[in-house]
Amino acid sequence: MTPIPFQHSYAALPERFFASQKPAQVPNPELIRVNKELAQDLGLDDETLSSLGAHFFSGNELPAETMPIAQAYAGHQFGGFSPQLGDGRAILLGELNGRDIQLKGSGRTPFSRGGDGKSALGPVIREYLLSEAMYALGVPTTRALAAVSTGETVLRQEGEVPGGVFTRVAASHLRVGTFQFFAARQDKEALQILSDYAIRRHFPEAQSPLELLKAVITKQAALVAHWMSLGFIHGVMNTDNCSVSGETIDYGPCAFMDTFHPQTVFSSIDRGGRYSWENQAMMAHWNLTRFAETLLPLMATEPEEAVAMAEQALAEFKPQFKKHYLSRFRCKLGLHADAPEEFLDQTLGVMANEKLDFTLFFRELTRHAAGEATNFFDRVPTWLADWKQLAAPTETLAKMRQENPILIPRNHQVEAAIQAAYQGDFSVFHRLTEAWQHPYEEQHGTEDLERPPLPDEVVTATFCGT
């Protein structure tokens, strides 16, 4: 097997940060898709990819340069704290060009907590589609390098289904929960090591744990505003899924809204609406507060001083989020930067009351602003008249086109790709992957992908897949 120039900065940390763990063997791995563009960015040429093949991306055969580990972390899950979670079905192989290469669904680890450590093929298909679509939409995100079927079955909600392994690429897998793991153990030395590592890897301009906190707050405020401007609902914003680097991570029970309502929830286990569309900013602030708590021992000798410093930093989240949120929605609506905030609230209210499709609303508004014929707004004439009083389409049309996608990963289309894959048909998956690489462009032959789901196609709940 061709050597790969892996680095191992995380595996060089003290042993209590991870557990060494080789991936499980699978009986009959087959490569479904490899992301050649991303592979090239990582320094893997076609010859190397050909040498690696399904046996590498399944974990069956690893180059000698790998140091496979499962990372330790804790986390608040739907508000309840678990002092030990960790990679229960994922193994970090190392880093290429400063980015983590991780296998998901690669078998049990010391952190599996009784699970089988495997992944069904459905979550592999989902994460590949969603993460690459998010990247094309311009959202900071982990990426998909490869998807593999394993030739074995796993038992999940829907019964026995084919298994798979997903290769995820991330700026890192540092989470708020990583810091919580050591804070729960009152391991100040480990917190200092972790803080220094996060600064060195992601925020070299930061000079202290306080500046690290401020940098993560800035990243998360921009990220969540971007999600919401696209109608995206993460679905499981637990602290172990809050990335320190500011990337979207974990595409389990996530979804893009079809019909708009601010209280929309997709996660099958989010019965209280904790992570609804409208709650995402509040929950990001909650997660960041938990992050700040872990850094308090590093900020100042006196606890009261450390708390005051953290509170001052956290107070910046709301205005930063609001700035990004208003800016994106004003661009989506074709408004000037000083357009009244109240009109945005009015617009979302109209969309909810009329049960309008989120993506189609802004797509049709962009067409209307460009002078194209559309009757989409016939049912909201008062709103349209108000919009015309505020809009400056000739000046803002380019920004509208940059902010309002034509295609998004609609739930029913993702589900169609999963169900076809379970039958051994990956043509739907490949078609969607390619179409969603250009979400802001007019594409011939993708008109069917623009439409909302029919009543019998609506997906009302999504699952984590473990």
Protein backbone atom coordinates (compact mmCIF):
# COMPACT_ATOMS: atom_id res chain seq x y z
CA MET A 1 0.00 0.00 0.00
CA THR A 2 1.26 3.47 -0.93
CA PRO A 3 2.67 5.36 2.07
CA ILE A 4 0.59 8.33 3.25
CA PRO A 5 2.30 11.28 5.00
CA PHE A 6 0.05 11.30 8.07
CA GLN A 7 0.78 13.65 10.95
CA HIS A 8 -0.32 12.77 14.47
CA SER A 9 -0.49 15.91 16.58
CA TYR A 10 -3.45 14.66 18.64
CA ALA A 11 -1.97 11.22 19.20
CA ALA A 12 1.13 13.01 20.53
CA LEU A 13 -0.90 14.40 23.44
CA PRO A 14 -0.95 12.52 26.78
CA GLU A 15 -2.53 9.05 26.75
CA ARG A 16 -5.59 10.12 28.76
CA PHE A 17 -6.79 12.13 25.75
CA PHE A 18 -7.59 9.04 23.65
CA ALA A 19 -7.50 5.26 23.37
CA SER A 20 -5.49 3.42 20.73
CA GLN A 21 -7.88 1.36 18.63
CA LYS A 22 -7.66 -0.40 15.28
CA PRO A 23 -10.75 -0.48 13.04
CA ALA A 24 -12.78 -3.67 12.88
CA GLN A 25 -12.44 -5.93 9.87
CA VAL A 26 -15.40 -6.09 7.47
CA PRO A 27 -16.19 -9.01 5.14
CA ASN A 28 -16.66 -7.49 1.70
CA PRO A 29 -15.90 -3.76 1.40
CA GLU A 30 -16.88 -1.98 -1.80
CA LEU A 31 -16.06 1.63 -2.58
CA ILE A 32 -19.22 3.59 -3.39
CA ARG A 33 -17.66 6.98 -3.99
CA VAL A 34 -14.43 8.81 -3.31
CA ASN A 35 -14.16 12.60 -3.35
CA LYS A 36 -11.25 13.09 -5.74
CA GLU A 37 -11.27 16.89 -5.53
CA LEU A 38 -10.97 16.79 -1.75
CA ALA A 39 -8.38 14.02 -1.95
CA GLN A 40 -6.20 16.22 -4.15
CA ASP A 41 -6.48 19.07 -1.64
CA LEU A 42 -5.22 16.63 0.99
CA GLY A 43 -2.27 15.64 -1.19
CA LEU A 44 -3.63 12.27 -2.37
CA ASP A 45 -3.22 11.81 -6.12
CA ASP A 46 -5.13 9.36 -8.31
CA GLU A 47 -2.39 6.73 -8.10
CA THR A 48 -2.47 6.83 -4.31
CA LEU A 49 -6.27 6.65 -4.24
CA SER A 50 -6.20 3.66 -6.55
CA SER A 51 -3.69 1.97 -4.27
CA LEU A 52 -5.80 2.63 -1.17
CA GLY A 53 -9.20 1.50 -2.44
CA ALA A 54 -12.04 0.01 -0.43
CA HIS A 55 -9.80 -1.89 1.97
CA PHE A 56 -8.28 1.34 3.28
CA PHE A 57 -11.53 3.31 3.43
CA SER A 58 -13.23 0.44 5.27
CA GLY A 59 -10.39 0.16 7.77
CA ASN A 60 -9.42 -3.37 6.69
CA GLU A 61 -5.90 -2.36 5.63
CA LEU A 62 -4.08 0.67 6.99
CA PRO A 63 -0.66 2.02 6.01
CA ALA A 64 2.03 1.61 8.62
CA GLU A 65 2.07 5.40 9.11
CA THR A 66 -1.39 5.49 10.71
CA MET A 67 -1.85 5.75 14.48
CA PRO A 68 -5.56 4.90 14.87
CA ILE A 69 -7.16 6.33 18.01
CA ALA A 70 -10.60 6.96 19.50
CA GLN A 71 -10.83 10.38 21.12
CA ALA A 72 -12.18 10.96 24.61
CA TYR A 73 -14.85 13.58 25.28
CA ALA A 74 -17.91 14.25 27.41
CA GLY A 75 -21.01 16.28 26.65
CA HIS A 76 -24.42 17.65 27.48
CA GLN A 77 -26.95 15.65 25.47
CA PHE A 78 -30.35 17.40 25.34
CA GLY A 79 -29.35 19.19 28.55
CA GLY A 80 -28.18 16.17 30.55
CA PHE A 81 -24.46 15.83 31.22
CA SER A 82 -22.57 12.62 30.44
CA PRO A 83 -19.02 12.77 31.86
CA GLN A 84 -17.76 10.17 29.38
CA LEU A 85 -18.88 9.79 25.77
CA GLY A 86 -15.99 9.61 23.31
CA ASP A 87 -15.68 8.11 19.84
CA GLY A 88 -17.93 5.09 20.14
CA ARG A 89 -17.91 4.26 16.44
CA ALA A 90 -15.21 6.47 14.95
CA ILE A 91 -11.45 6.17 14.67
CA LEU A 92 -9.04 8.98 13.86
CA LEU A 93 -6.31 7.74 11.52
CA GLY A 94 -4.20 10.91 11.57
CA GLU A 95 -3.94 14.27 9.84
CA LEU A 96 -3.21 15.25 6.26
CA ASN A 97 -2.34 18.85 5.45
CA GLY A 98 -3.52 19.77 8.93
CA ARG A 99 -6.95 18.12 8.61
CA ASP A 100 -8.24 15.08 10.50
CA ILE A 101 -9.01 11.87 8.61
CA GLN A 102 -11.55 9.81 10.51
CA LEU A 103 -13.40 6.56 9.80
CA LYS A 104 -17.00 6.47 11.07
CA GLY A 105 -18.72 3.13 11.57
CA SER A 106 -15.44 1.29 11.99
CA GLY A 107 -16.29 -0.88 15.00
CA ARG A 108 -16.26 -0.88 18.78
CA THR A 109 -13.94 1.29 20.84
CA PRO A 110 -13.48 1.67 24.62
CA PHE A 111 -16.09 4.46 24.36
CA SER A 112 -18.84 2.44 22.60
CA ARG A 113 -20.98 2.13 25.76
CA GLY A 114 -22.48 -1.19 24.68
CA GLY A 115 -23.03 -0.24 21.05
CA ASP A 116 -21.76 -2.22 18.09
CA GLY A 117 -19.58 0.63 16.80
CA LYS A 118 -20.87 0.09 13.28
CA SER A 119 -22.85 2.34 10.96
CA ALA A 120 -25.77 1.50 8.76
CA LEU A 121 -25.31 2.47 5.12
CA GLY A 122 -28.09 5.08 5.41
CA PRO A 123 -26.18 7.46 7.72
CA VAL A 124 -23.11 7.09 5.49
CA ILE A 125 -25.13 8.16 2.46
CA ARG A 126 -26.78 10.97 4.45
CA GLU A 127 -23.54 12.44 5.79
CA TYR A 128 -21.81 12.29 2.43
CA LEU A 129 -24.71 14.08 0.73
CA LEU A 130 -25.33 16.65 3.46
CA SER A 131 -21.75 17.58 4.26
CA GLU A 132 -20.77 18.04 0.62
CA ALA A 133 -23.95 20.00 -0.12
CA MET A 134 -23.24 22.24 2.87
CA TYR A 135 -19.72 22.83 1.58
CA ALA A 136 -21.08 23.82 -1.82
CA LEU A 137 -23.56 26.16 -0.11
CA GLY A 138 -20.60 27.92 1.49
CA VAL A 139 -21.18 26.78 5.06
CA PRO A 140 -18.16 25.82 7.22
CA THR A 141 -18.42 22.05 7.55
CA THR A 142 -16.67 18.73 7.86
CA ARG A 143 -16.26 17.03 4.50
CA ALA A 144 -16.80 13.63 2.91
CA LEU A 145 -13.76 11.83 1.51
CA ALA A 146 -15.26 8.39 0.86
CA ALA A 147 -18.24 6.10 1.35
CA VAL A 148 -17.92 2.32 1.54
CA SER A 149 -20.38 -0.55 1.89
CA THR A 150 -19.10 -3.30 4.16
CA GLY A 151 -20.92 -6.43 2.98
CA GLU A 152 -22.44 -7.00 6.43
CA THR A 153 -25.73 -6.06 8.07
CA VAL A 154 -26.43 -4.09 11.24
CA LEU A 155 -29.57 -3.95 13.35
CA ARG A 156 -31.24 -0.53 13.54
CA GLN A 157 -34.73 1.01 13.96
CA GLU A 158 -35.82 -0.28 10.56
CA GLY A 159 -34.49 -3.80 11.16
CA GLU A 160 -31.42 -5.38 9.57
CA VAL A 161 -29.85 -3.06 7.01
CA PRO A 162 -26.57 -2.98 5.06
CA GLY A 163 -23.55 -1.56 6.85
CA GLY A 164 -21.16 1.14 5.72
CA VAL A 165 -18.11 3.18 6.68
CA PHE A 166 -17.77 6.92 6.10
CA THR A 167 -14.47 8.78 5.85
CA ARG A 168 -14.82 12.22 7.39
CA VAL A 169 -12.39 15.10 7.00
CA ALA A 170 -12.42 17.87 9.61
CA ALA A 171 -10.33 20.86 10.60
CA SER A 172 -10.17 18.88 13.84
CA HIS A 173 -12.51 16.90 16.07
CA LEU A 174 -12.07 19.18 19.07
CA ARG A 175 -15.46 19.76 20.67
CA VAL A 176 -16.81 21.68 23.63
CA GLY A 177 -17.29 18.17 25.04
CA THR A 178 -13.55 17.50 24.75
CA PHE A 179 -12.91 20.30 27.22
CA GLN A 180 -15.81 19.14 29.41
CA PHE A 181 -14.23 15.68 29.69
CA PHE A 182 -11.25 17.11 31.55
CA ALA A 183 -13.17 19.79 33.41
CA ALA A 184 -15.40 17.08 34.90
CA ARG A 185 -12.23 15.40 36.21
CA GLN A 186 -10.81 18.70 37.50
CA ASP A 187 -7.75 18.00 35.37
CA LYS A 188 -6.39 21.54 35.02
CA GLU A 189 -3.16 20.32 33.44
CA ALA A 190 -5.08 18.59 30.64
CA LEU A 191 -7.26 21.67 30.13
CA GLN A 192 -4.14 23.80 29.70
CA ILE A 193 -2.67 21.30 27.23
CA LEU A 194 -5.95 21.18 25.31
CA SER A 195 -6.32 24.97 25.28
CA ASP A 196 -2.76 25.39 24.00
CA TYR A 197 -3.41 22.73 21.35
CA ALA A 198 -6.63 24.38 20.15
CA ILE A 199 -4.94 27.76 19.93
CA ARG A 200 -1.94 26.34 18.10
CA ARG A 201 -4.09 24.44 15.62
CA HIS A 202 -7.00 26.82 15.00
CA PHE A 203 -6.43 30.27 16.45
CA PRO A 204 -2.69 31.07 16.47
CA GLU A 205 -3.52 34.74 16.91
CA ALA A 206 -5.11 33.99 20.31
CA GLN A 207 -2.78 34.68 23.22
CA SER A 208 -4.80 33.20 26.09
CA PRO A 209 -7.74 30.92 26.99
CA LEU A 210 -9.95 34.03 27.11
CA GLU A 211 -9.02 34.90 23.54
CA LEU A 212 -9.68 31.27 22.58
CA LEU A 213 -13.18 31.59 24.03
CA LYS A 214 -13.78 34.82 22.12
CA ALA A 215 -12.58 33.24 18.86
CA VAL A 216 -14.90 30.24 19.24
CA ILE A 217 -17.83 32.55 20.07
CA THR A 218 -17.17 34.51 16.87
CA LYS A 219 -17.06 31.33 14.77
CA GLN A 220 -20.25 29.87 16.25
CA ALA A 221 -22.23 33.13 15.93
CA ALA A 222 -21.47 33.28 12.19
CA LEU A 223 -22.07 29.55 11.69
CA VAL A 224 -25.52 29.37 13.28
CA ALA A 225 -26.70 32.51 11.47
CA HIS A 226 -25.61 30.88 8.21
CA TRP A 227 -27.53 27.69 9.06
CA MET A 228 -30.70 29.60 9.78
CA SER A 229 -30.48 31.68 6.60
CA LEU A 230 -30.68 28.41 4.65
CA GLY A 231 -33.49 26.88 6.69
CA PHE A 232 -31.10 24.30 8.12
CA ILE A 233 -31.84 22.60 11.43
CA HIS A 234 -28.92 20.76 12.99
CA GLY A 235 -31.15 18.64 15.20
CA VAL A 236 -28.61 17.55 17.81
CA MET A 237 -26.73 20.62 19.04
CA ASN A 238 -25.29 18.82 22.05
CA THR A 239 -21.98 20.11 23.40
CA ASP A 240 -20.20 17.06 21.97
CA ASN A 241 -21.40 18.22 18.54
CA CYS A 242 -20.24 21.82 19.00
CA SER A 243 -16.96 22.10 17.11
CA VAL A 244 -14.25 24.38 18.47
CA SER A 245 -13.08 25.07 14.91
CA GLY A 246 -16.51 26.44 13.95
CA GLU A 247 -17.42 23.71 11.45
CA THR A 248 -20.77 21.99 11.17
CA ILE A 249 -20.23 18.49 12.55
CA ASP A 250 -22.50 15.44 12.83
CA TYR A 251 -25.20 15.06 10.17
CA GLY A 252 -27.49 12.70 12.06
CA PRO A 253 -30.99 14.06 12.71
CA CYS A 254 -30.48 17.23 10.68
CA ALA A 255 -32.63 18.58 7.87
CA PHE A 256 -33.42 21.54 5.66
CA MET A 257 -36.96 22.83 6.14
CA ASP A 258 -39.48 22.56 3.37
CA THR A 259 -42.55 24.42 4.69
CA PHE A 260 -41.38 27.20 6.95
CA HIS A 261 -42.25 27.35 10.61
CA PRO A 262 -39.85 28.73 13.25
CA GLN A 263 -40.58 25.88 15.67
CA THR A 264 -39.80 23.13 13.17
CA VAL A 265 -37.97 20.10 14.62
CA PHE A 266 -36.78 16.99 12.80
CA SER A 267 -34.87 14.95 15.35
CA SER A 268 -36.98 11.96 16.41
CA ILE A 269 -35.83 12.35 20.01
CA ASP A 270 -36.18 16.15 20.34
CA ARG A 271 -39.71 15.97 21.71
CA GLY A 272 -39.45 19.28 23.55
CA GLY A 273 -38.20 21.29 20.58
CA ARG A 274 -34.91 22.13 22.28
CA TYR A 275 -33.12 22.32 18.92
CA SER A 276 -35.86 23.81 16.74
CA TRP A 277 -34.93 26.24 13.96
CA GLU A 278 -35.68 29.31 16.07
CA ASN A 279 -33.86 28.00 19.17
CA GLN A 280 -30.51 27.35 17.51
CA ALA A 281 -28.90 30.68 18.42
CA MET A 282 -30.01 30.35 22.03
CA MET A 283 -28.63 26.82 22.22
CA ALA A 284 -25.34 27.85 20.65
CA HIS A 285 -25.00 30.46 23.41
CA TRP A 286 -25.84 27.77 25.98
CA ASN A 287 -23.13 25.50 24.58
CA LEU A 288 -20.61 28.33 24.58
CA THR A 289 -21.43 29.04 28.20
CA ARG A 290 -20.55 25.43 29.01
CA PHE A 291 -17.30 25.93 27.06
CA ALA A 292 -16.52 29.07 29.07
CA GLU A 293 -17.05 27.13 32.30
CA THR A 294 -14.30 24.68 31.34
CA LEU A 295 -11.83 27.51 30.76
CA LEU A 296 -12.46 29.38 34.02
CA PRO A 297 -9.55 27.74 35.91
CA LEU A 298 -7.20 28.91 33.14
CA MET A 299 -8.44 32.51 32.91
CA ALA A 300 -7.64 33.91 36.33
CA THR A 301 -6.54 32.85 39.78
CA GLU A 302 -9.60 34.37 41.44
CA PRO A 303 -12.87 32.61 40.43
CA GLU A 304 -14.88 35.85 40.52
CA GLU A 305 -12.47 37.51 38.11
CA ALA A 306 -12.58 34.53 35.74
CA VAL A 307 -16.39 34.51 35.75
CA ALA A 308 -16.53 38.24 35.00
CA MET A 309 -14.14 37.79 32.07
CA ALA A 310 -16.18 34.91 30.67
CA GLU A 311 -19.49 36.73 31.06
CA GLN A 312 -18.14 39.75 29.23
CA ALA A 313 -16.99 37.54 26.35
CA LEU A 314 -20.29 35.64 26.20
CA ALA A 315 -22.22 38.90 26.07
CA GLU A 316 -20.74 39.44 22.62
CA PHE A 317 -22.46 36.37 21.15
CA LYS A 318 -25.92 37.88 20.73
CA PRO A 319 -24.87 41.06 18.89
CA GLN A 320 -22.47 39.09 16.69
CA PHE A 321 -25.14 36.54 15.81
CA LYS A 322 -27.71 39.27 15.13
CA LYS A 323 -25.30 41.11 12.83
CA HIS A 324 -24.74 37.99 10.70
CA TYR A 325 -28.40 36.94 10.79
CA LEU A 326 -29.74 40.33 9.67
CA SER A 327 -27.05 40.74 7.04
CA ARG A 328 -27.80 37.38 5.44
CA PHE A 329 -31.58 37.82 5.44
CA ARG A 330 -31.35 41.37 4.09
CA CYS A 331 -29.25 40.01 1.23
CA LYS A 332 -31.73 37.19 0.68
CA LEU A 333 -34.57 39.74 0.46
CA GLY A 334 -32.69 42.17 -1.77
CA LEU A 335 -32.69 44.92 0.85
CA HIS A 336 -30.16 47.57 1.78
CA ALA A 337 -28.03 47.08 4.90
CA ASP A 338 -30.16 49.58 6.85
CA ALA A 339 -33.55 48.07 5.94
CA PRO A 340 -35.81 47.75 9.01
CA GLU A 341 -35.48 44.60 11.06
CA GLU A 342 -39.25 44.55 11.50
CA PHE A 343 -39.73 43.72 7.82
CA LEU A 344 -37.75 40.51 8.25
CA ASP A 345 -39.99 39.52 11.16
CA GLN A 346 -43.02 40.36 9.02
CA THR A 347 -41.68 38.22 6.17
CA LEU A 348 -41.09 35.17 8.36
CA GLY A 349 -44.55 35.60 9.87
CA VAL A 350 -46.14 35.63 6.43
CA MET A 351 -44.15 32.58 5.38
CA ALA A 352 -45.27 30.67 8.46
CA ASN A 353 -48.92 31.71 8.22
CA GLU A 354 -49.13 30.86 4.52
CA LYS A 355 -47.12 27.63 4.96
CA LEU A 356 -44.68 28.66 2.23
CA ASP A 357 -41.65 26.60 1.25
CA PHE A 358 -38.56 28.29 2.69
CA THR A 359 -36.14 27.73 -0.20
CA LEU A 360 -38.72 28.20 -2.94
CA PHE A 361 -39.87 31.51 -1.43
CA PHE A 362 -36.41 33.07 -1.75
CA ARG A 363 -35.74 31.35 -5.07
CA GLU A 364 -38.93 32.83 -6.56
CA LEU A 365 -38.20 36.23 -5.03
CA THR A 366 -34.82 36.22 -6.77
CA ARG A 367 -36.56 35.40 -10.05
CA HIS A 368 -39.09 38.17 -9.44
CA ALA A 369 -36.30 40.65 -8.70
CA ALA A 370 -34.65 39.67 -11.99
CA GLY A 371 -37.85 40.48 -13.88
CA GLU A 372 -38.90 36.90 -14.56
CA ALA A 373 -42.58 36.03 -14.58
CA THR A 374 -43.80 34.25 -11.43
CA ASN A 375 -47.18 33.99 -9.75
CA PHE A 376 -45.71 32.69 -6.50
CA PHE A 377 -46.53 35.90 -4.62
CA ASP A 378 -50.12 36.26 -5.80
CA ARG A 379 -51.30 34.89 -2.45
CA VAL A 380 -49.35 37.53 -0.46
CA PRO A 381 -50.02 40.78 -2.37
CA THR A 382 -49.79 43.03 0.70
CA TRP A 383 -46.39 41.62 1.62
CA LEU A 384 -45.18 42.02 -1.99
CA ALA A 385 -46.28 45.66 -2.03
CA ASP A 386 -44.36 46.29 1.20
CA TRP A 387 -41.31 44.54 -0.24
CA LYS A 388 -41.38 46.74 -3.34
CA GLN A 389 -41.24 49.82 -1.11
CA LEU A 390 -38.01 48.60 0.49
CA ALA A 391 -36.26 46.47 -2.13
CA ALA A 392 -33.51 47.61 -4.45
CA PRO A 393 -33.33 44.62 -6.81
CA THR A 394 -31.15 46.21 -9.48
CA GLU A 395 -28.50 46.93 -6.84
CA THR A 396 -28.85 43.76 -4.77
CA LEU A 397 -29.70 41.06 -7.32
CA ALA A 398 -26.16 39.67 -7.39
CA LYS A 399 -26.20 39.22 -3.60
CA MET A 400 -29.64 37.61 -3.76
CA ARG A 401 -28.31 35.05 -6.20
CA GLN A 402 -25.34 34.38 -3.92
CA GLU A 403 -27.54 33.85 -0.84
CA ASN A 404 -30.59 32.09 -2.28
CA PRO A 405 -29.83 28.57 -3.52
CA ILE A 406 -31.79 26.92 -6.28
CA LEU A 407 -31.13 23.45 -4.90
CA ILE A 408 -30.84 22.23 -1.32
CA PRO A 409 -30.64 18.66 0.05
CA ARG A 410 -34.35 18.10 0.52
CA ASN A 411 -35.23 15.39 3.02
CA HIS A 412 -37.32 13.29 0.67
CA GLN A 413 -34.53 13.26 -1.91
CA VAL A 414 -31.96 12.19 0.68
CA GLU A 415 -34.35 9.46 1.82
CA ALA A 416 -34.81 8.28 -1.78
CA ALA A 417 -31.04 7.96 -2.14
CA ILE A 418 -30.83 5.96 1.10
CA GLN A 419 -33.62 3.57 0.19
CA ALA A 420 -32.15 2.98 -3.27
CA ALA A 421 -28.73 2.36 -1.70
CA TYR A 422 -30.23 -0.28 0.59
CA GLN A 423 -31.25 -2.07 -2.60
CA GLY A 424 -27.77 -1.79 -4.07
CA ASP A 425 -28.65 1.12 -6.39
CA PHE A 426 -26.35 4.13 -5.92
CA SER A 427 -27.43 6.05 -9.01
CA VAL A 428 -29.70 8.39 -7.00
CA PHE A 429 -26.88 9.08 -4.55
CA HIS A 430 -24.42 9.90 -7.35
CA ARG A 431 -26.92 12.13 -9.16
CA LEU A 432 -27.70 14.14 -6.02
CA THR A 433 -24.04 14.44 -5.07
CA GLU A 434 -23.23 15.94 -8.44
CA ALA A 435 -26.30 18.20 -8.69
CA TRP A 436 -25.79 19.64 -5.21
CA GLN A 437 -22.21 20.64 -6.01
CA HIS A 438 -23.65 23.70 -7.81
CA PRO A 439 -26.61 24.82 -5.69
CA TYR A 440 -26.69 28.44 -6.88
CA GLU A 441 -26.51 27.67 -10.61
CA GLU A 442 -29.20 26.90 -13.17
CA GLN A 443 -28.60 23.29 -14.25
CA HIS A 444 -30.24 21.47 -17.10
CA GLY A 445 -32.12 18.35 -16.03
CA THR A 446 -32.41 19.13 -12.32
CA GLU A 447 -35.79 20.87 -12.35
CA ASP A 448 -37.37 17.98 -10.45
CA LEU A 449 -34.91 18.52 -7.61
CA GLU A 450 -36.20 22.05 -7.05
CA ARG A 451 -39.73 21.09 -6.10
CA PRO A 452 -40.90 20.56 -2.52
CA PRO A 453 -42.05 17.06 -1.52
CA LEU A 454 -45.51 15.81 -2.40
CA PRO A 455 -47.73 15.04 0.62
CA ASP A 456 -46.78 11.36 0.59
CA GLU A 457 -43.05 12.21 0.32
CA VAL A 458 -42.78 14.45 3.38
CA VAL A 459 -40.15 13.31 5.90
CA THR A 460 -41.20 14.39 9.38
CA ALA A 461 -38.43 12.83 11.51
CA THR A 462 -34.75 11.98 11.16
CA PHE A 463 -32.59 9.67 13.27
CA CYS A 464 -29.02 9.65 14.56
CA GLY A 465 -28.24 6.23 13.08
CA THR A 466 -26.36 4.75 16.04
